Amino acid sequence: MEVDTFIKLNKAFQAEESPGVIYCISMQWFREWEGFVKGKDNEPPGPIDNSKIAVIKGGHVQLKQGADYGQISEETWNYLFTLYSGGPEIAMRQNVIQADLDSPQGERKIEAETRAV
């Protein structure tokens, strides 16, 4: 089942001490996906839409400051992207994330325990 695969991938990500790359996903899209996989919504969420959390600087896609996003692993991103497509892909190196810990929204790894059906 889709949510079980997500939980398995996310638990592995939670256990990582310092992943080299972290992918960002729009919490708006994630909440729609979560409603679908938990059976609250009958319609799938459509393609991943990171457009509200992305900004292009110097030709590169970056995370918009103060964006409402969750942190997922590369494996989880690839899994969701294979199912839903969409984007843009926003990947951050670990050292960049450490510098942003005081941002107002703050970043957060999506907690697998709260996502169980």
N, C-alpha and C. Protein backbone atom coordinates (compact mmCIF):
# COMPACT_ATOMS: atom_id res chain seq x y z
N MET A 1 0.84 -1.18 0.00
CA MET A 1 0.00 0.00 0.00
C MET A 1 0.89 1.26 0.00
N GLU A 2 0.43 2.28 -0.66
CA GLU A 2 1.23 3.50 -0.87
C GLU A 2 1.72 4.12 0.44
N VAL A 3 0.82 4.26 1.42
CA VAL A 3 1.21 4.90 2.68
C VAL A 3 2.21 4.04 3.44
N ASP A 4 2.11 2.73 3.32
CA ASP A 4 3.06 1.85 4.01
C ASP A 4 4.47 2.03 3.45
N THR A 5 4.57 2.14 2.13
CA THR A 5 5.87 2.38 1.51
C THR A 5 6.43 3.72 1.96
N PHE A 6 5.57 4.74 2.00
CA PHE A 6 6.02 6.05 2.47
C PHE A 6 6.55 5.96 3.90
N ILE A 7 5.81 5.31 4.79
CA ILE A 7 6.21 5.21 6.20
C ILE A 7 7.54 4.48 6.32
N LYS A 8 7.70 3.39 5.55
CA LYS A 8 8.96 2.64 5.59
C LYS A 8 10.13 3.51 5.15
N LEU A 9 9.97 4.22 4.03
CA LEU A 9 11.04 5.09 3.53
C LEU A 9 11.31 6.23 4.51
N ASN A 10 10.25 6.77 5.08
CA ASN A 10 10.41 7.92 5.98
C ASN A 10 11.07 7.52 7.30
N LYS A 11 10.78 6.32 7.80
CA LYS A 11 11.43 5.86 9.03
C LYS A 11 12.93 5.72 8.81
N ALA A 12 13.32 5.24 7.64
CA ALA A 12 14.75 5.13 7.33
C ALA A 12 15.38 6.52 7.30
N PHE A 13 14.67 7.48 6.75
CA PHE A 13 15.15 8.86 6.69
C PHE A 13 15.26 9.45 8.09
N GLN A 14 14.29 9.21 8.94
CA GLN A 14 14.31 9.72 10.32
C GLN A 14 15.52 9.17 11.08
N ALA A 15 15.91 7.94 10.76
CA ALA A 15 17.01 7.29 11.48
C ALA A 15 18.38 7.82 11.04
N GLU A 16 18.45 8.47 9.88
CA GLU A 16 19.73 8.98 9.39
C GLU A 16 20.19 10.14 10.26
N GLU A 17 21.44 10.08 10.68
CA GLU A 17 22.00 11.15 11.51
C GLU A 17 22.14 12.45 10.72
N SER A 18 22.77 12.37 9.56
CA SER A 18 22.96 13.58 8.76
C SER A 18 22.95 13.22 7.28
N PRO A 19 21.76 13.15 6.70
CA PRO A 19 21.69 12.84 5.27
C PRO A 19 22.40 13.91 4.45
N GLY A 20 23.07 13.51 3.38
CA GLY A 20 23.80 14.47 2.55
C GLY A 20 22.89 15.42 1.81
N VAL A 21 21.76 14.90 1.35
CA VAL A 21 20.81 15.71 0.59
C VAL A 21 19.42 15.50 1.17
N ILE A 22 18.69 16.59 1.28
CA ILE A 22 17.32 16.54 1.76
C ILE A 22 16.44 17.17 0.69
N TYR A 23 15.34 16.52 0.40
CA TYR A 23 14.39 17.04 -0.59
C TYR A 23 13.25 17.74 0.13
N CYS A 24 12.75 18.79 -0.50
CA CYS A 24 11.66 19.58 0.07
C CYS A 24 10.38 19.27 -0.67
N ILE A 25 9.29 19.20 0.07
CA ILE A 25 7.99 18.97 -0.54
C ILE A 25 6.99 19.94 0.07
N SER A 26 6.14 20.49 -0.77
CA SER A 26 5.13 21.43 -0.32
C SER A 26 4.18 20.75 0.67
N MET A 27 4.01 21.36 1.82
CA MET A 27 3.10 20.78 2.81
C MET A 27 1.65 20.86 2.32
N GLN A 28 1.33 21.83 1.48
CA GLN A 28 -0.02 21.90 0.92
C GLN A 28 -0.29 20.64 0.08
N TRP A 29 0.65 20.31 -0.81
CA TRP A 29 0.48 19.10 -1.61
C TRP A 29 0.50 17.87 -0.72
N PHE A 30 1.42 17.83 0.25
CA PHE A 30 1.55 16.66 1.12
C PHE A 30 0.25 16.40 1.88
N ARG A 31 -0.39 17.46 2.39
CA ARG A 31 -1.65 17.28 3.12
C ARG A 31 -2.75 16.73 2.20
N GLU A 32 -2.77 17.15 0.94
CA GLU A 32 -3.74 16.59 -0.01
C GLU A 32 -3.45 15.11 -0.24
N TRP A 33 -2.18 14.77 -0.41
CA TRP A 33 -1.79 13.37 -0.60
C TRP A 33 -2.17 12.55 0.62
N GLU A 34 -1.88 13.09 1.80
CA GLU A 34 -2.17 12.39 3.05
C GLU A 34 -3.68 12.11 3.17
N GLY A 35 -4.51 13.09 2.84
CA GLY A 35 -5.95 12.89 2.87
C GLY A 35 -6.38 11.77 1.93
N PHE A 36 -5.75 11.70 0.77
CA PHE A 36 -6.07 10.66 -0.21
C PHE A 36 -5.67 9.28 0.30
N VAL A 37 -4.43 9.12 0.78
CA VAL A 37 -3.97 7.79 1.19
C VAL A 37 -4.65 7.32 2.48
N LYS A 38 -5.16 8.25 3.26
CA LYS A 38 -5.89 7.87 4.48
C LYS A 38 -7.39 7.67 4.21
N GLY A 39 -7.81 7.84 2.95
CA GLY A 39 -9.19 7.58 2.59
C GLY A 39 -10.14 8.74 2.89
N LYS A 40 -9.62 9.90 3.26
CA LYS A 40 -10.48 11.06 3.53
C LYS A 40 -10.93 11.72 2.24
N ASP A 41 -10.10 11.63 1.19
CA ASP A 41 -10.44 12.19 -0.11
C ASP A 41 -10.42 11.05 -1.13
N ASN A 42 -11.38 11.05 -2.04
CA ASN A 42 -11.43 10.01 -3.06
C ASN A 42 -10.53 10.31 -4.25
N GLU A 43 -10.24 11.59 -4.45
CA GLU A 43 -9.43 12.00 -5.59
C GLU A 43 -7.95 12.05 -5.21
N PRO A 44 -7.07 11.46 -6.05
CA PRO A 44 -5.64 11.60 -5.80
C PRO A 44 -5.23 13.07 -5.93
N PRO A 45 -4.10 13.44 -5.33
CA PRO A 45 -3.73 14.85 -5.26
C PRO A 45 -3.26 15.49 -6.56
N GLY A 46 -3.01 14.76 -7.58
CA GLY A 46 -2.45 15.34 -8.81
C GLY A 46 -0.95 15.45 -8.69
N PRO A 47 -0.29 16.02 -9.71
CA PRO A 47 1.18 16.12 -9.68
C PRO A 47 1.67 16.92 -8.47
N ILE A 48 2.85 16.56 -7.99
CA ILE A 48 3.49 17.30 -6.90
C ILE A 48 3.62 18.76 -7.35
N ASP A 49 3.18 19.68 -6.49
CA ASP A 49 3.25 21.10 -6.83
C ASP A 49 4.11 21.84 -5.81
N ASN A 50 5.38 21.99 -6.16
CA ASN A 50 6.31 22.73 -5.30
C ASN A 50 6.47 24.17 -5.76
N SER A 51 5.61 24.64 -6.67
CA SER A 51 5.79 25.98 -7.23
C SER A 51 5.67 27.08 -6.17
N LYS A 52 4.86 26.86 -5.13
CA LYS A 52 4.69 27.89 -4.10
C LYS A 52 5.86 27.96 -3.11
N ILE A 53 6.69 26.92 -3.10
CA ILE A 53 7.81 26.91 -2.16
C ILE A 53 9.15 27.09 -2.87
N ALA A 54 9.11 27.26 -4.20
CA ALA A 54 10.34 27.35 -4.98
C ALA A 54 10.57 28.76 -5.51
N VAL A 55 11.83 29.10 -5.66
CA VAL A 55 12.23 30.35 -6.30
C VAL A 55 13.46 30.03 -7.15
N ILE A 56 13.55 30.68 -8.29
CA ILE A 56 14.71 30.45 -9.17
C ILE A 56 15.71 31.57 -8.96
N LYS A 57 16.92 31.20 -8.56
CA LYS A 57 18.01 32.16 -8.36
C LYS A 57 19.22 31.68 -9.14
N GLY A 58 19.72 32.53 -10.00
CA GLY A 58 20.90 32.18 -10.78
C GLY A 58 20.69 30.94 -11.64
N GLY A 59 19.47 30.73 -12.09
CA GLY A 59 19.17 29.57 -12.93
C GLY A 59 18.96 28.28 -12.17
N HIS A 60 19.00 28.34 -10.84
CA HIS A 60 18.81 27.14 -10.01
C HIS A 60 17.55 27.27 -9.17
N VAL A 61 16.85 26.16 -9.02
CA VAL A 61 15.66 26.14 -8.18
C VAL A 61 16.11 26.07 -6.72
N GLN A 62 15.60 26.99 -5.91
CA GLN A 62 15.92 27.00 -4.49
C GLN A 62 14.64 27.09 -3.68
N LEU A 63 14.75 26.79 -2.40
CA LEU A 63 13.63 26.88 -1.50
C LEU A 63 13.35 28.35 -1.18
N LYS A 64 12.09 28.74 -1.28
CA LYS A 64 11.68 30.10 -0.94
C LYS A 64 11.76 30.27 0.58
N GLN A 65 12.32 31.38 1.03
CA GLN A 65 12.44 31.64 2.46
C GLN A 65 11.06 31.70 3.12
N GLY A 66 10.90 31.04 4.26
CA GLY A 66 9.63 31.03 4.99
C GLY A 66 8.59 30.10 4.40
N ALA A 67 8.98 29.26 3.43
CA ALA A 67 8.04 28.36 2.77
C ALA A 67 7.53 27.29 3.73
N ASP A 68 6.29 26.85 3.50
CA ASP A 68 5.70 25.77 4.28
C ASP A 68 6.02 24.45 3.59
N TYR A 69 7.04 23.77 4.09
CA TYR A 69 7.50 22.55 3.42
C TYR A 69 7.90 21.51 4.44
N GLY A 70 7.97 20.27 3.97
CA GLY A 70 8.46 19.16 4.77
C GLY A 70 9.73 18.63 4.15
N GLN A 71 10.52 17.95 4.96
CA GLN A 71 11.78 17.37 4.48
C GLN A 71 11.57 15.88 4.26
N ILE A 72 11.98 15.41 3.09
CA ILE A 72 11.90 13.99 2.78
C ILE A 72 13.23 13.55 2.18
N SER A 73 13.44 12.24 2.19
CA SER A 73 14.68 11.70 1.63
C SER A 73 14.61 11.65 0.11
N GLU A 74 15.75 11.45 -0.49
CA GLU A 74 15.81 11.30 -1.95
C GLU A 74 14.97 10.11 -2.39
N GLU A 75 15.03 9.03 -1.62
CA GLU A 75 14.26 7.83 -1.96
C GLU A 75 12.76 8.10 -1.91
N THR A 76 12.32 8.86 -0.89
CA THR A 76 10.90 9.19 -0.78
C THR A 76 10.48 10.10 -1.92
N TRP A 77 11.30 11.09 -2.23
CA TRP A 77 11.00 11.98 -3.36
C TRP A 77 10.84 11.16 -4.64
N ASN A 78 11.81 10.27 -4.91
CA ASN A 78 11.76 9.47 -6.13
C ASN A 78 10.51 8.60 -6.17
N TYR A 79 10.12 8.05 -5.03
CA TYR A 79 8.92 7.23 -4.95
C TYR A 79 7.67 8.06 -5.29
N LEU A 80 7.51 9.19 -4.62
CA LEU A 80 6.33 10.04 -4.86
C LEU A 80 6.34 10.61 -6.28
N PHE A 81 7.53 10.98 -6.77
CA PHE A 81 7.65 11.54 -8.12
C PHE A 81 7.29 10.49 -9.17
N THR A 82 7.69 9.24 -8.95
CA THR A 82 7.34 8.16 -9.88
C THR A 82 5.82 8.00 -9.96
N LEU A 83 5.14 8.14 -8.83
CA LEU A 83 3.69 7.97 -8.80
C LEU A 83 2.94 9.19 -9.35
N TYR A 84 3.42 10.40 -9.03
CA TYR A 84 2.64 11.61 -9.29
C TYR A 84 3.27 12.61 -10.26
N SER A 85 4.54 12.48 -10.54
CA SER A 85 5.31 13.44 -11.34
C SER A 85 5.21 14.83 -10.71
N GLY A 86 5.42 15.87 -11.48
CA GLY A 86 5.32 17.22 -10.94
C GLY A 86 6.68 17.81 -10.59
N GLY A 87 6.67 18.77 -9.68
CA GLY A 87 7.91 19.43 -9.28
C GLY A 87 7.66 20.90 -8.98
N PRO A 88 8.66 21.71 -9.05
CA PRO A 88 10.06 21.35 -9.36
C PRO A 88 10.73 20.64 -8.19
N GLU A 89 11.77 19.91 -8.53
CA GLU A 89 12.57 19.22 -7.52
C GLU A 89 13.38 20.26 -6.76
N ILE A 90 13.32 20.20 -5.43
CA ILE A 90 14.12 21.11 -4.59
C ILE A 90 14.95 20.24 -3.65
N ALA A 91 16.24 20.17 -3.93
CA ALA A 91 17.15 19.39 -3.10
C ALA A 91 18.12 20.34 -2.42
N MET A 92 18.37 20.09 -1.14
CA MET A 92 19.30 20.94 -0.40
C MET A 92 20.38 20.09 0.24
N ARG A 93 21.57 20.62 0.24
CA ARG A 93 22.68 19.96 0.94
C ARG A 93 22.54 20.20 2.43
N GLN A 94 23.00 19.27 3.22
CA GLN A 94 22.84 19.34 4.68
C GLN A 94 23.40 20.62 5.27
N ASN A 95 24.57 21.08 4.80
CA ASN A 95 25.17 22.27 5.42
C ASN A 95 24.33 23.51 5.18
N VAL A 96 23.56 23.58 4.10
CA VAL A 96 22.67 24.71 3.84
C VAL A 96 21.53 24.69 4.85
N ILE A 97 21.03 23.52 5.15
CA ILE A 97 19.91 23.40 6.09
C ILE A 97 20.31 23.87 7.48
N GLN A 98 21.51 23.55 7.89
CA GLN A 98 21.95 23.96 9.23
C GLN A 98 21.91 25.49 9.38
N ALA A 99 22.18 26.20 8.30
CA ALA A 99 22.19 27.66 8.36
C ALA A 99 20.78 28.24 8.47
N ASP A 100 19.77 27.45 8.10
CA ASP A 100 18.40 27.94 8.07
C ASP A 100 17.57 27.52 9.28
N LEU A 101 18.18 26.99 10.32
CA LEU A 101 17.41 26.44 11.44
C LEU A 101 16.59 27.49 12.18
N ASP A 102 16.93 28.76 12.06
CA ASP A 102 16.19 29.79 12.77
C ASP A 102 15.10 30.44 11.91
N SER A 103 14.82 29.87 10.74
CA SER A 103 13.79 30.48 9.89
C SER A 103 12.43 30.39 10.57
N PRO A 104 11.53 31.33 10.29
CA PRO A 104 10.24 31.40 11.01
C PRO A 104 9.41 30.12 10.87
N GLN A 105 9.28 29.60 9.68
CA GLN A 105 8.51 28.36 9.50
C GLN A 105 9.31 27.18 10.04
N GLY A 106 10.61 27.26 9.86
CA GLY A 106 11.47 26.15 10.24
C GLY A 106 11.23 24.98 9.31
N GLU A 107 12.21 24.14 9.15
CA GLU A 107 11.98 22.98 8.35
C GLU A 107 11.72 21.82 9.28
N ARG A 108 11.06 20.83 8.76
CA ARG A 108 10.75 19.69 9.60
C ARG A 108 10.75 18.42 8.77
N LYS A 109 11.35 17.40 9.34
CA LYS A 109 11.20 16.10 8.73
C LYS A 109 9.77 15.67 9.00
N ILE A 110 9.14 15.09 8.03
CA ILE A 110 7.76 14.65 8.21
C ILE A 110 7.77 13.44 9.13
N GLU A 111 7.02 13.51 10.21
CA GLU A 111 7.01 12.45 11.21
C GLU A 111 6.19 11.26 10.75
N ALA A 112 6.84 10.12 10.60
CA ALA A 112 6.16 8.93 10.12
C ALA A 112 5.11 8.44 11.11
N GLU A 113 5.39 8.57 12.39
CA GLU A 113 4.47 8.05 13.39
C GLU A 113 3.09 8.71 13.28
N THR A 114 3.05 9.99 12.96
CA THR A 114 1.78 10.68 12.89
C THR A 114 1.09 10.44 11.55
N ARG A 115 1.77 9.79 10.65
CA ARG A 115 1.20 9.56 9.31
C ARG A 115 0.60 8.18 9.16
N ALA A 116 0.72 7.33 10.16
CA ALA A 116 0.18 5.99 10.05
C ALA A 116 -1.34 6.03 9.94
N VAL A 117 -1.87 5.10 9.16
CA VAL A 117 -3.33 5.08 8.97
C VAL A 117 -4.02 4.45 10.16
